[in-house]
Amino acid sequence: RGLSMPTISEFFGIVVRRYYDDHHPPHFHGYYGDSEAVILIETLAMAEGNLPRRARAMVLEWAADHRQELMDDWMFAAEHRPLNKIMPLE
């Protein structure tokens, strides 16, 4: 999908991406190895898929710290604007 799903952050082998023209509610996609999950921005609940426990904990910690930036990128994607990279979990 290339440009339609830019990577917005990477840390500890985890890749976070956002689709353009994605469905509501606002969410992002987290990947770790062969695992994928769709995480809701507002509640940080897993809407689809699953990640290994440790990767899930890191993604949720990162998302809690960057919730506003994730929402900003959601709005940018809806407007077909370039997305901002978000600082990785350190």
PDB file of N, CA and C in Angstrom:
ATOM      1  N   ARG A   1       0.810  -1.198   0.000  1.00  0.00           N
ATOM      2  CA  ARG A   1       0.000   0.000   0.000  1.00  0.00           C
ATOM      3  C   ARG A   1       0.849   1.256   0.000  1.00  0.00           C
ATOM      4  N   GLY A   2       2.108   1.138   0.381  1.00  0.00           N
ATOM      5  CA  GLY A   2       3.071   2.219   0.230  1.00  0.00           C
ATOM      6  C   GLY A   2       2.622   3.538   0.810  1.00  0.00           C
ATOM      7  N   LEU A   3       2.395   4.535  -0.054  1.00  0.00           N
ATOM      8  CA  LEU A   3       2.067   5.877   0.392  1.00  0.00           C
ATOM      9  C   LEU A   3       0.718   5.964   1.087  1.00  0.00           C
ATOM     10  N   SER A   4      -0.172   5.018   0.856  1.00  0.00           N
ATOM     11  CA  SER A   4      -1.482   5.077   1.484  1.00  0.00           C
ATOM     12  C   SER A   4      -1.430   4.681   2.958  1.00  0.00           C
ATOM     13  N   MET A   5      -0.292   4.173   3.418  1.00  0.00           N
ATOM     14  CA  MET A   5      -0.161   3.767   4.807  1.00  0.00           C
ATOM     15  C   MET A   5       1.215   4.143   5.345  1.00  0.00           C
ATOM     16  N   PRO A   6       1.448   5.449   5.561  1.00  0.00           N
ATOM     17  CA  PRO A   6       2.769   5.867   6.024  1.00  0.00           C
ATOM     18  C   PRO A   6       3.071   5.407   7.449  1.00  0.00           C
ATOM     19  N   THR A   7       4.353   5.168   7.684  1.00  0.00           N
ATOM     20  CA  THR A   7       4.834   4.843   9.021  1.00  0.00           C
ATOM     21  C   THR A   7       4.971   6.150   9.783  1.00  0.00           C
ATOM     22  N   ILE A   8       4.354   6.230  10.964  1.00  0.00           N
ATOM     23  CA  ILE A   8       4.445   7.455  11.746  1.00  0.00           C
ATOM     24  C   ILE A   8       5.389   7.321  12.937  1.00  0.00           C
ATOM     25  N   SER A   9       5.747   6.087  13.311  1.00  0.00           N
ATOM     26  CA  SER A   9       6.732   5.892  14.376  1.00  0.00           C
ATOM     27  C   SER A   9       7.250   4.453  14.337  1.00  0.00           C
ATOM     28  N   GLU A  10       8.476   4.279  14.824  1.00  0.00           N
ATOM     29  CA  GLU A  10       9.095   2.952  14.946  1.00  0.00           C
ATOM     30  C   GLU A  10       9.922   2.918  16.213  1.00  0.00           C
ATOM     31  N   PHE A  11       9.783   1.829  16.986  1.00  0.00           N
ATOM     32  CA  PHE A  11      10.578   1.672  18.204  1.00  0.00           C
ATOM     33  C   PHE A  11      10.555   0.205  18.633  1.00  0.00           C
ATOM     34  N   PHE A  12      11.704  -0.287  19.064  1.00  0.00           N
ATOM     35  CA  PHE A  12      11.844  -1.649  19.588  1.00  0.00           C
ATOM     36  C   PHE A  12      11.221  -2.714  18.689  1.00  0.00           C
ATOM     37  N   GLY A  13      11.348  -2.550  17.385  1.00  0.00           N
ATOM     38  CA  GLY A  13      10.805  -3.511  16.432  1.00  0.00           C
ATOM     39  C   GLY A  13       9.328  -3.339  16.140  1.00  0.00           C
ATOM     40  N   ILE A  14       8.711  -2.339  16.749  1.00  0.00           N
ATOM     41  CA  ILE A  14       7.292  -2.048  16.546  1.00  0.00           C
ATOM     42  C   ILE A  14       7.172  -0.951  15.491  1.00  0.00           C
ATOM     43  N   VAL A  15       6.244  -1.116  14.569  1.00  0.00           N
ATOM     44  CA  VAL A  15       5.989  -0.120  13.532  1.00  0.00           C
ATOM     45  C   VAL A  15       4.551   0.357  13.699  1.00  0.00           C
ATOM     46  N   VAL A  16       4.379   1.688  13.715  1.00  0.00           N
ATOM     47  CA  VAL A  16       3.053   2.285  13.842  1.00  0.00           C
ATOM     48  C   VAL A  16       2.735   2.987  12.534  1.00  0.00           C
ATOM     49  N   ARG A  17       1.572   2.657  11.969  1.00  0.00           N
ATOM     50  CA  ARG A  17       1.165   3.223  10.677  1.00  0.00           C
ATOM     51  C   ARG A  17      -0.261   3.752  10.752  1.00  0.00           C
ATOM     52  N   ARG A  18      -0.581   4.604   9.773  1.00  0.00           N
ATOM     53  CA  ARG A  18      -1.913   5.198   9.632  1.00  0.00           C
ATOM     54  C   ARG A  18      -2.329   5.116   8.175  1.00  0.00           C
ATOM     55  N   TYR A  19      -3.494   4.596   7.929  1.00  0.00           N
ATOM     56  CA  TYR A  19      -4.051   4.596   6.570  1.00  0.00           C
ATOM     57  C   TYR A  19      -4.654   5.958   6.254  1.00  0.00           C
ATOM     58  N   TYR A  20      -4.552   6.356   4.993  1.00  0.00           N
ATOM     59  CA  TYR A  20      -5.361   7.466   4.503  1.00  0.00           C
ATOM     60  C   TYR A  20      -6.740   6.888   4.208  1.00  0.00           C
ATOM     61  N   ASP A  21      -7.776   7.715   4.327  1.00  0.00           N
ATOM     62  CA  ASP A  21      -9.155   7.307   4.030  1.00  0.00           C
ATOM     63  C   ASP A  21      -9.604   6.104   4.856  1.00  0.00           C
ATOM     64  N   ASP A  22      -9.158   6.014   6.104  1.00  0.00           N
ATOM     65  CA  ASP A  22      -9.555   4.898   6.957  1.00  0.00           C
ATOM     66  C   ASP A  22     -10.907   5.185   7.605  1.00  0.00           C
ATOM     67  N   HIS A  23     -11.545   4.149   8.109  1.00  0.00           N
ATOM     68  CA  HIS A  23     -12.869   4.241   8.722  1.00  0.00           C
ATOM     69  C   HIS A  23     -12.784   4.776  10.145  1.00  0.00           C
ATOM     70  N   HIS A  24     -13.915   5.243  10.653  1.00  0.00           N
ATOM     71  CA  HIS A  24     -14.005   5.684  12.048  1.00  0.00           C
ATOM     72  C   HIS A  24     -14.244   4.476  12.928  1.00  0.00           C
ATOM     73  N   PRO A  25     -13.982   4.495  14.193  1.00  0.00           N
ATOM     74  CA  PRO A  25     -13.454   5.597  14.981  1.00  0.00           C
ATOM     75  C   PRO A  25     -11.960   5.777  14.754  1.00  0.00           C
ATOM     76  N   PRO A  26     -11.409   6.938  15.162  1.00  0.00           N
ATOM     77  CA  PRO A  26      -9.978   7.198  14.981  1.00  0.00           C
ATOM     78  C   PRO A  26      -9.117   6.106  15.625  1.00  0.00           C
ATOM     79  N   HIS A  27      -8.159   5.618  14.855  1.00  0.00           N
ATOM     80  CA  HIS A  27      -7.311   4.522  15.327  1.00  0.00           C
ATOM     81  C   HIS A  27      -5.986   4.537  14.563  1.00  0.00           C
ATOM     82  N   PHE A  28      -5.087   3.666  14.974  1.00  0.00           N
ATOM     83  CA  PHE A  28      -3.834   3.452  14.258  1.00  0.00           C
ATOM     84  C   PHE A  28      -3.553   1.963  14.218  1.00  0.00           C
ATOM     85  N   HIS A  29      -2.589   1.583  13.401  1.00  0.00           N
ATOM     86  CA  HIS A  29      -2.218   0.183  13.234  1.00  0.00           C
ATOM     87  C   HIS A  29      -0.823  -0.028  13.828  1.00  0.00           C
ATOM     88  N   GLY A  30      -0.701  -1.026  14.676  1.00  0.00           N
ATOM     89  CA  GLY A  30       0.586  -1.389  15.251  1.00  0.00           C
ATOM     90  C   GLY A  30       1.018  -2.753  14.745  1.00  0.00           C
ATOM     91  N   TYR A  31       2.279  -2.876  14.367  1.00  0.00           N
ATOM     92  CA  TYR A  31       2.833  -4.119  13.833  1.00  0.00           C
ATOM     93  C   TYR A  31       4.065  -4.517  14.644  1.00  0.00           C
ATOM     94  N   TYR A  32       4.155  -5.790  14.919  1.00  0.00           N
ATOM     95  CA  TYR A  32       5.348  -6.347  15.566  1.00  0.00           C
ATOM     96  C   TYR A  32       5.511  -7.754  15.021  1.00  0.00           C
ATOM     97  N   GLY A  33       6.558  -7.960  14.241  1.00  0.00           N
ATOM     98  CA  GLY A  33       6.747  -9.263  13.606  1.00  0.00           C
ATOM     99  C   GLY A  33       5.565  -9.583  12.715  1.00  0.00           C
ATOM    100  N   ASP A  34       4.962 -10.744  12.923  1.00  0.00           N
ATOM    101  CA  ASP A  34       3.796 -11.163  12.141  1.00  0.00           C
ATOM    102  C   ASP A  34       2.478 -10.728  12.777  1.00  0.00           C
ATOM    103  N   SER A  35       2.549 -10.007  13.881  1.00  0.00           N
ATOM    104  CA  SER A  35       1.341  -9.590  14.595  1.00  0.00           C
ATOM    105  C   SER A  35       0.931  -8.184  14.182  1.00  0.00           C
ATOM    106  N   GLU A  36      -0.375  -7.951  14.171  1.00  0.00           N
ATOM    107  CA  GLU A  36      -0.925  -6.637  13.848  1.00  0.00           C
ATOM    108  C   GLU A  36      -2.120  -6.375  14.742  1.00  0.00           C
ATOM    109  N   ALA A  37      -2.273  -5.123  15.141  1.00  0.00           N
ATOM    110  CA  ALA A  37      -3.438  -4.729  15.927  1.00  0.00           C
ATOM    111  C   ALA A  37      -3.909  -3.351  15.481  1.00  0.00           C
ATOM    112  N   VAL A  38      -5.193  -3.144  15.590  1.00  0.00           N
ATOM    113  CA  VAL A  38      -5.814  -1.838  15.373  1.00  0.00           C
ATOM    114  C   VAL A  38      -6.164  -1.309  16.754  1.00  0.00           C
ATOM    115  N   ILE A  39      -5.618  -0.127  17.095  1.00  0.00           N
ATOM    116  CA  ILE A  39      -5.799   0.429  18.429  1.00  0.00           C
ATOM    117  C   ILE A  39      -6.567   1.738  18.326  1.00  0.00           C
ATOM    118  N   LEU A  40      -7.637   1.852  19.109  1.00  0.00           N
ATOM    119  CA  LEU A  40      -8.447   3.064  19.123  1.00  0.00           C
ATOM    120  C   LEU A  40      -7.713   4.167  19.878  1.00  0.00           C
ATOM    121  N   ILE A  41      -7.661   5.352  19.294  1.00  0.00           N
ATOM    122  CA  ILE A  41      -6.903   6.444  19.903  1.00  0.00           C
ATOM    123  C   ILE A  41      -7.562   6.920  21.196  1.00  0.00           C
ATOM    124  N   GLU A  42      -8.853   7.075  21.192  1.00  0.00           N
ATOM    125  CA  GLU A  42      -9.533   7.646  22.356  1.00  0.00           C
ATOM    126  C   GLU A  42      -9.430   6.772  23.595  1.00  0.00           C
ATOM    127  N   THR A  43      -9.647   5.473  23.441  1.00  0.00           N
ATOM    128  CA  THR A  43      -9.694   4.566  24.595  1.00  0.00           C
ATOM    129  C   THR A  43      -8.446   3.697  24.738  1.00  0.00           C
ATOM    130  N   LEU A  44      -7.631   3.625  23.699  1.00  0.00           N
ATOM    131  CA  LEU A  44      -6.457   2.737  23.625  1.00  0.00           C
ATOM    132  C   LEU A  44      -6.851   1.263  23.703  1.00  0.00           C
ATOM    133  N   ALA A  45      -8.091   0.967  23.356  1.00  0.00           N
ATOM    134  CA  ALA A  45      -8.550  -0.423  23.293  1.00  0.00           C
ATOM    135  C   ALA A  45      -8.126  -1.035  21.964  1.00  0.00           C
ATOM    136  N   MET A  46      -7.893  -2.343  21.968  1.00  0.00           N
ATOM    137  CA  MET A  46      -7.594  -3.073  20.740  1.00  0.00           C
ATOM    138  C   MET A  46      -8.912  -3.379  20.044  1.00  0.00           C
ATOM    139  N   ALA A  47      -9.098  -2.798  18.859  1.00  0.00           N
ATOM    140  CA  ALA A  47     -10.333  -3.017  18.105  1.00  0.00           C
ATOM    141  C   ALA A  47     -10.258  -4.288  17.280  1.00  0.00           C
ATOM    142  N   GLU A  48      -9.069  -4.611  16.804  1.00  0.00           N
ATOM    143  CA  GLU A  48      -8.857  -5.808  15.982  1.00  0.00           C
ATOM    144  C   GLU A  48      -7.451  -6.320  16.222  1.00  0.00           C
ATOM    145  N   GLY A  49      -7.265  -7.596  15.993  1.00  0.00           N
ATOM    146  CA  GLY A  49      -5.937  -8.197  16.053  1.00  0.00           C
ATOM    147  C   GLY A  49      -5.393  -8.265  17.463  1.00  0.00           C
ATOM    148  N   ASN A  50      -4.088  -8.498  17.536  1.00  0.00           N
ATOM    149  CA  ASN A  50      -3.429  -8.632  18.825  1.00  0.00           C
ATOM    150  C   ASN A  50      -1.936  -8.448  18.635  1.00  0.00           C
ATOM    151  N   LEU A  51      -1.266  -8.055  19.682  1.00  0.00           N
ATOM    152  CA  LEU A  51       0.190  -7.958  19.722  1.00  0.00           C
ATOM    153  C   LEU A  51       0.675  -8.763  20.922  1.00  0.00           C
ATOM    154  N   PRO A  52       1.893  -9.279  20.852  1.00  0.00           N
ATOM    155  CA  PRO A  52       2.440  -9.947  22.034  1.00  0.00           C
ATOM    156  C   PRO A  52       2.393  -8.999  23.244  1.00  0.00           C
ATOM    157  N   ARG A  53       2.258  -9.556  24.418  1.00  0.00           N
ATOM    158  CA  ARG A  53       2.051  -8.772  25.642  1.00  0.00           C
ATOM    159  C   ARG A  53       3.037  -7.618  25.812  1.00  0.00           C
ATOM    160  N   ARG A  54       4.312  -7.886  25.646  1.00  0.00           N
ATOM    161  CA  ARG A  54       5.324  -6.835  25.847  1.00  0.00           C
ATOM    162  C   ARG A  54       5.196  -5.736  24.787  1.00  0.00           C
ATOM    163  N   ALA A  55       5.000  -6.115  23.530  1.00  0.00           N
ATOM    164  CA  ALA A  55       4.829  -5.132  22.454  1.00  0.00           C
ATOM    165  C   ALA A  55       3.549  -4.330  22.685  1.00  0.00           C
ATOM    166  N   ARG A  56       2.486  -4.990  23.101  1.00  0.00           N
ATOM    167  CA  ARG A  56       1.224  -4.300  23.379  1.00  0.00           C
ATOM    168  C   ARG A  56       1.419  -3.258  24.477  1.00  0.00           C
ATOM    169  N   ALA A  57       2.114  -3.620  25.546  1.00  0.00           N
ATOM    170  CA  ALA A  57       2.352  -2.681  26.650  1.00  0.00           C
ATOM    171  C   ALA A  57       3.140  -1.462  26.167  1.00  0.00           C
ATOM    172  N   MET A  58       4.149  -1.689  25.322  1.00  0.00           N
ATOM    173  CA  MET A  58       4.945  -0.560  24.819  1.00  0.00           C
ATOM    174  C   MET A  58       4.123   0.337  23.908  1.00  0.00           C
ATOM    175  N   VAL A  59       3.312  -0.262  23.034  1.00  0.00           N
ATOM    176  CA  VAL A  59       2.476   0.530  22.131  1.00  0.00           C
ATOM    177  C   VAL A  59       1.479   1.363  22.933  1.00  0.00           C
ATOM    178  N   LEU A  60       0.867   0.787  23.939  1.00  0.00           N
ATOM    179  CA  LEU A  60      -0.115   1.519  24.731  1.00  0.00           C
ATOM    180  C   LEU A  60       0.535   2.640  25.541  1.00  0.00           C
ATOM    181  N   GLU A  61       1.719   2.391  26.079  1.00  0.00           N
ATOM    182  CA  GLU A  61       2.442   3.443  26.800  1.00  0.00           C
ATOM    183  C   GLU A  61       2.766   4.593  25.847  1.00  0.00           C
ATOM    184  N   TRP A  62       3.282   4.251  24.661  1.00  0.00           N
ATOM    185  CA  TRP A  62       3.626   5.257  23.654  1.00  0.00           C
ATOM    186  C   TRP A  62       2.384   6.042  23.241  1.00  0.00           C
ATOM    187  N   ALA A  63       1.289   5.341  22.953  1.00  0.00           N
ATOM    188  CA  ALA A  63       0.064   5.999  22.485  1.00  0.00           C
ATOM    189  C   ALA A  63      -0.515   6.929  23.554  1.00  0.00           C
ATOM    190  N   ALA A  64      -0.456   6.529  24.809  1.00  0.00           N
ATOM    191  CA  ALA A  64      -0.961   7.384  25.893  1.00  0.00           C
ATOM    192  C   ALA A  64      -0.181   8.694  25.946  1.00  0.00           C
ATOM    193  N   ASP A  65       1.120   8.617  25.686  1.00  0.00           N
ATOM    194  CA  ASP A  65       1.970   9.815  25.707  1.00  0.00           C
ATOM    195  C   ASP A  65       1.790  10.689  24.471  1.00  0.00           C
ATOM    196  N   HIS A  66       1.240  10.130  23.394  1.00  0.00           N
ATOM    197  CA  HIS A  66       1.165  10.855  22.112  1.00  0.00           C
ATOM    198  C   HIS A  66      -0.252  10.893  21.544  1.00  0.00           C
ATOM    199  N   ARG A  67      -1.238  10.823  22.414  1.00  0.00           N
ATOM    200  CA  ARG A  67      -2.629  10.756  21.957  1.00  0.00           C
ATOM    201  C   ARG A  67      -3.017  11.958  21.090  1.00  0.00           C
ATOM    202  N   GLN A  68      -2.632  13.176  21.489  1.00  0.00           N
ATOM    203  CA  GLN A  68      -2.997  14.360  20.697  1.00  0.00           C
ATOM    204  C   GLN A  68      -2.330  14.326  19.324  1.00  0.00           C
ATOM    205  N   GLU A  69      -1.068  13.915  19.273  1.00  0.00           N
ATOM    206  CA  GLU A  69      -0.374  13.818  17.985  1.00  0.00           C
ATOM    207  C   GLU A  69      -1.024  12.764  17.083  1.00  0.00           C
ATOM    208  N   LEU A  70      -1.486  11.675  17.669  1.00  0.00           N
ATOM    209  CA  LEU A  70      -2.190  10.650  16.903  1.00  0.00           C
ATOM    210  C   LEU A  70      -3.494  11.201  16.332  1.00  0.00           C
ATOM    211  N   MET A  71      -4.213  11.984  17.147  1.00  0.00           N
ATOM    212  CA  MET A  71      -5.455  12.599  16.652  1.00  0.00           C
ATOM    213  C   MET A  71      -5.153  13.626  15.558  1.00  0.00           C
ATOM    214  N   ASP A  72      -4.069  14.383  15.723  1.00  0.00           N
ATOM    215  CA  ASP A  72      -3.688  15.344  14.686  1.00  0.00           C
ATOM    216  C   ASP A  72      -3.424  14.612  13.375  1.00  0.00           C
ATOM    217  N   ASP A  73      -2.673  13.515  13.433  1.00  0.00           N
ATOM    218  CA  ASP A  73      -2.389  12.746  12.221  1.00  0.00           C
ATOM    219  C   ASP A  73      -3.666  12.149  11.629  1.00  0.00           C
ATOM    220  N   TRP A  74      -4.604  11.762  12.487  1.00  0.00           N
ATOM    221  CA  TRP A  74      -5.892  11.256  11.992  1.00  0.00           C
ATOM    222  C   TRP A  74      -6.574  12.336  11.149  1.00  0.00           C
ATOM    223  N   MET A  75      -6.582  13.574  11.649  1.00  0.00           N
ATOM    224  CA  MET A  75      -7.214  14.679  10.918  1.00  0.00           C
ATOM    225  C   MET A  75      -6.447  14.989   9.628  1.00  0.00           C
ATOM    226  N   PHE A  76      -5.118  14.980   9.701  1.00  0.00           N
ATOM    227  CA  PHE A  76      -4.319  15.239   8.499  1.00  0.00           C
ATOM    228  C   PHE A  76      -4.609  14.190   7.426  1.00  0.00           C
ATOM    229  N   ALA A  77      -4.705  12.933   7.829  1.00  0.00           N
ATOM    230  CA  ALA A  77      -4.980  11.853   6.871  1.00  0.00           C
ATOM    231  C   ALA A  77      -6.350  12.051   6.229  1.00  0.00           C
ATOM    232  N   ALA A  78      -7.338  12.442   7.028  1.00  0.00           N
ATOM    233  CA  ALA A  78      -8.682  12.666   6.494  1.00  0.00           C
ATOM    234  C   ALA A  78      -8.683  13.792   5.458  1.00  0.00           C
ATOM    235  N   GLU A  79      -7.748  14.741   5.633  1.00  0.00           N
ATOM    236  CA  GLU A  79      -7.636  15.879   4.707  1.00  0.00           C
ATOM    237  C   GLU A  79      -6.602  15.622   3.610  1.00  0.00           C
ATOM    238  N   HIS A  80      -6.065  14.415   3.554  1.00  0.00           N
ATOM    239  CA  HIS A  80      -5.044  14.023   2.572  1.00  0.00           C
ATOM    240  C   HIS A  80      -3.804  14.912   2.652  1.00  0.00           C
ATOM    241  N   ARG A  81      -3.450  15.263   3.874  1.00  0.00           N
ATOM    242  CA  ARG A  81      -2.241  16.053   4.111  1.00  0.00           C
ATOM    243  C   ARG A  81      -1.139  15.111   4.594  1.00  0.00           C
ATOM    244  N   PRO A  82       0.115  15.520   4.454  1.00  0.00           N
ATOM    245  CA  PRO A  82       1.210  14.682   4.973  1.00  0.00           C
ATOM    246  C   PRO A  82       1.072  14.494   6.485  1.00  0.00           C
ATOM    247  N   LEU A  83       1.433  13.310   6.943  1.00  0.00           N
ATOM    248  CA  LEU A  83       1.369  13.009   8.368  1.00  0.00           C
ATOM    249  C   LEU A  83       2.682  13.378   9.027  1.00  0.00           C
ATOM    250  N   ASN A  84       2.583  13.712  10.304  1.00  0.00           N
ATOM    251  CA  ASN A  84       3.781  14.003  11.099  1.00  0.00           C
ATOM    252  C   ASN A  84       4.328  12.713  11.677  1.00  0.00           C
ATOM    253  N   LYS A  85       5.649  12.616  11.712  1.00  0.00           N
ATOM    254  CA  LYS A  85       6.291  11.523  12.433  1.00  0.00           C
ATOM    255  C   LYS A  85       6.112  11.817  13.925  1.00  0.00           C
ATOM    256  N   ILE A  86       5.982  10.772  14.711  1.00  0.00           N
ATOM    257  CA  ILE A  86       5.821  10.913  16.162  1.00  0.00           C
ATOM    258  C   ILE A  86       7.030  10.259  16.819  1.00  0.00           C
ATOM    259  N   MET A  87       7.574  10.949  17.810  1.00  0.00           N
ATOM    260  CA  MET A  87       8.763  10.454  18.498  1.00  0.00           C
ATOM    261  C   MET A  87       8.529   9.037  19.031  1.00  0.00           C
ATOM    262  N   PRO A  88       9.536   8.195  18.913  1.00  0.00           N
ATOM    263  CA  PRO A  88       9.389   6.810  19.393  1.00  0.00           C
ATOM    264  C   PRO A  88       9.420   6.740  20.920  1.00  0.00           C
ATOM    265  N   LEU A  89       9.015   5.613  21.443  1.00  0.00           N
ATOM    266  CA  LEU A  89       9.148   5.316  22.861  1.00  0.00           C
ATOM    267  C   LEU A  89      10.635   5.182  23.142  1.00  0.00           C
ATOM    268  N   GLU A  90      11.065   5.768  24.228  1.00  0.00           N
ATOM    269  CA  GLU A  90      12.502   5.698  24.574  1.00  0.00           C
ATOM    270  C   GLU A  90      12.731   4.842  25.794  1.00  0.00           C
TER     271      GLU A  90
END
